Amino acid sequence: MQPAKNAVEGQLRDEIGCICGGCEHEALSKCVCGQADQMRGELRTQVDLGKTHEEIISHFIAQYGGQHFLRSPIDKGFNRLAWLVPYGVGAIGLVVVGVTARRWSRHPEKDSRSDEPKDPEIEERLDDELRNLD
């Protein structure tokens, strides 16, 4: 494996992953399979043509039909939403758990009817009825 020709090629070798399927999407700078050699050669050709980082990424996207060759998605547009949604869901989950825990930990308020004065006649009648049951 030849060393990177310049900083752009070195950076892209770390950003682009092998797509052979057998090497777990390892970076081109580390993968030693034949598919990675082919991709490195293609990358070197694009660098020799004097293309910029973005132009080379666009070339690979056009060739492979998507961003699946990249080790991490491009940080713009809809991809930002894909990165933010899991964090948003986690934050909402923490809020729900906190609110639920707070509600469960509160002591129930006393029943307002238990504070009402009791009618002595009803109490006496109830005592009489209970004595008759014995």
Protein backbone atom coordinates (compact mmCIF):
# COMPACT_ATOMS: atom_id res chain seq x y z
CA MET A 1 0.00 0.00 0.00
CA GLN A 2 1.43 3.33 -1.11
CA PRO A 3 1.43 6.27 1.29
CA ALA A 4 -0.98 9.13 0.66
CA LYS A 5 0.22 11.64 -1.94
CA ASN A 6 -1.04 14.71 -0.05
CA ALA A 7 -3.19 15.76 2.89
CA VAL A 8 -6.46 15.57 0.91
CA GLU A 9 -5.79 11.97 -0.09
CA GLY A 10 -4.80 11.06 3.47
CA GLN A 11 -7.96 12.63 4.87
CA LEU A 12 -10.17 10.89 2.29
CA ARG A 13 -8.50 7.54 2.96
CA ASP A 14 -9.65 7.90 6.58
CA GLU A 15 -13.17 9.10 5.63
CA ILE A 16 -13.90 6.47 2.95
CA GLY A 17 -14.55 2.90 4.01
CA CYS A 18 -14.07 -0.27 2.01
CA ILE A 19 -17.33 -1.58 0.55
CA CYS A 20 -16.30 -5.19 -0.14
CA GLY A 21 -18.46 -6.43 2.73
CA GLY A 22 -15.83 -8.64 4.28
CA CYS A 23 -13.76 -6.12 6.20
CA GLU A 24 -16.44 -4.38 8.25
CA HIS A 25 -16.28 -1.04 6.38
CA GLU A 26 -12.71 -0.42 7.46
CA ALA A 27 -11.02 2.83 6.38
CA LEU A 28 -9.07 2.73 3.10
CA SER A 29 -5.98 3.75 5.07
CA LYS A 30 -6.13 0.44 6.98
CA CYS A 31 -7.89 -2.10 4.74
CA VAL A 32 -5.69 -4.47 2.72
CA CYS A 33 -8.27 -6.23 0.50
CA GLY A 34 -8.43 -5.97 -3.29
CA GLN A 35 -11.53 -3.76 -3.28
CA ALA A 36 -9.73 -1.25 -1.06
CA ASP A 37 -6.73 -1.27 -3.44
CA GLN A 38 -9.07 -0.49 -6.33
CA MET A 39 -10.77 2.31 -4.38
CA ARG A 40 -7.38 3.77 -3.35
CA GLY A 41 -6.31 3.74 -7.01
CA GLU A 42 -9.47 5.54 -8.02
CA LEU A 43 -8.95 8.04 -5.20
CA ARG A 44 -5.36 8.61 -6.35
CA THR A 45 -6.61 9.24 -9.90
CA GLN A 46 -9.05 11.88 -8.64
CA VAL A 47 -6.31 13.54 -6.57
CA ASP A 48 -3.97 13.53 -9.60
CA LEU A 49 -6.69 15.32 -11.59
CA GLY A 50 -6.47 18.12 -8.99
CA LYS A 51 -10.00 17.72 -7.64
CA THR A 52 -10.96 19.13 -4.25
CA HIS A 53 -12.24 17.14 -1.27
CA GLU A 54 -15.88 17.92 -2.10
CA GLU A 55 -15.44 17.13 -5.81
CA ILE A 56 -13.91 13.74 -5.00
CA ILE A 57 -16.73 12.92 -2.56
CA SER A 58 -19.26 13.93 -5.26
CA HIS A 59 -17.48 11.68 -7.77
CA PHE A 60 -17.68 8.69 -5.44
CA ILE A 61 -21.35 9.43 -4.63
CA ALA A 62 -22.13 9.48 -8.35
CA GLN A 63 -20.17 6.27 -8.94
CA TYR A 64 -21.55 4.26 -6.00
CA GLY A 65 -25.03 5.78 -5.99
CA GLY A 66 -25.05 7.03 -2.40
CA GLN A 67 -23.01 7.82 0.67
CA HIS A 68 -22.69 4.24 1.91
CA PHE A 69 -18.96 4.23 1.13
CA LEU A 70 -18.38 6.99 3.71
CA ARG A 71 -17.55 5.92 7.25
CA SER A 72 -19.83 8.68 8.63
CA PRO A 73 -22.57 10.60 6.78
CA ILE A 74 -21.98 14.08 5.42
CA ASP A 75 -22.93 16.67 8.04
CA LYS A 76 -25.49 18.76 6.16
CA GLY A 77 -29.16 18.74 5.21
CA PHE A 78 -31.23 15.72 6.21
CA ASN A 79 -28.17 13.92 7.59
CA ARG A 80 -28.01 16.41 10.48
CA LEU A 81 -31.54 15.42 11.40
CA ALA A 82 -30.49 11.77 11.37
CA TRP A 83 -27.74 12.61 13.88
CA LEU A 84 -29.95 14.80 16.09
CA VAL A 85 -33.08 12.61 16.36
CA PRO A 86 -31.56 9.96 18.66
CA TYR A 87 -30.30 12.65 21.03
CA GLY A 88 -33.70 14.38 20.96
CA VAL A 89 -35.51 11.13 21.71
CA GLY A 90 -33.10 10.45 24.57
CA ALA A 91 -33.66 13.92 26.05
CA ILE A 92 -37.44 13.56 25.81
CA GLY A 93 -37.19 10.14 27.44
CA LEU A 94 -35.21 11.58 30.35
CA VAL A 95 -37.81 14.31 30.84
CA VAL A 96 -40.65 11.76 30.82
CA VAL A 97 -38.83 9.53 33.31
CA GLY A 98 -38.13 12.53 35.57
CA VAL A 99 -41.72 13.76 35.51
CA THR A 100 -43.06 10.25 36.13
CA ALA A 101 -40.65 9.65 39.03
CA ARG A 102 -41.59 12.96 40.57
CA ARG A 103 -45.31 12.16 40.37
CA TRP A 104 -44.83 8.70 41.84
CA SER A 105 -42.72 10.01 44.71
CA ARG A 106 -45.26 12.58 45.87
CA HIS A 107 -47.47 11.66 48.81
CA PRO A 108 -51.17 11.62 48.01
CA GLU A 109 -53.06 14.52 49.49
CA LYS A 110 -55.45 13.73 52.31
CA ASP A 111 -59.02 13.08 51.35
CA SER A 112 -61.00 16.23 52.09
CA ARG A 113 -64.01 14.19 53.25
CA SER A 114 -62.05 12.66 56.15
CA ASP A 115 -61.70 16.10 57.73
CA GLU A 116 -65.45 16.64 57.89
CA PRO A 117 -67.03 16.47 61.37
CA LYS A 118 -68.83 13.19 62.00
CA ASP A 119 -72.49 13.11 62.91
CA PRO A 120 -72.82 11.74 66.49
CA GLU A 121 -76.29 10.25 65.82
CA ILE A 122 -75.02 8.20 62.89
CA GLU A 123 -72.00 7.08 64.89
CA GLU A 124 -74.24 5.94 67.77
CA ARG A 125 -76.59 4.13 65.41
CA LEU A 126 -73.68 2.38 63.73
CA ASP A 127 -72.30 1.29 67.12
CA ASP A 128 -75.73 -0.11 68.08
CA GLU A 129 -75.98 -2.07 64.83
CA LEU A 130 -72.50 -3.48 65.29
CA ARG A 131 -73.29 -4.54 68.88
CA ASN A 132 -76.40 -6.35 67.65
CA LEU A 133 -74.32 -8.36 65.20
CA ASP A 134 -72.28 -9.87 68.01
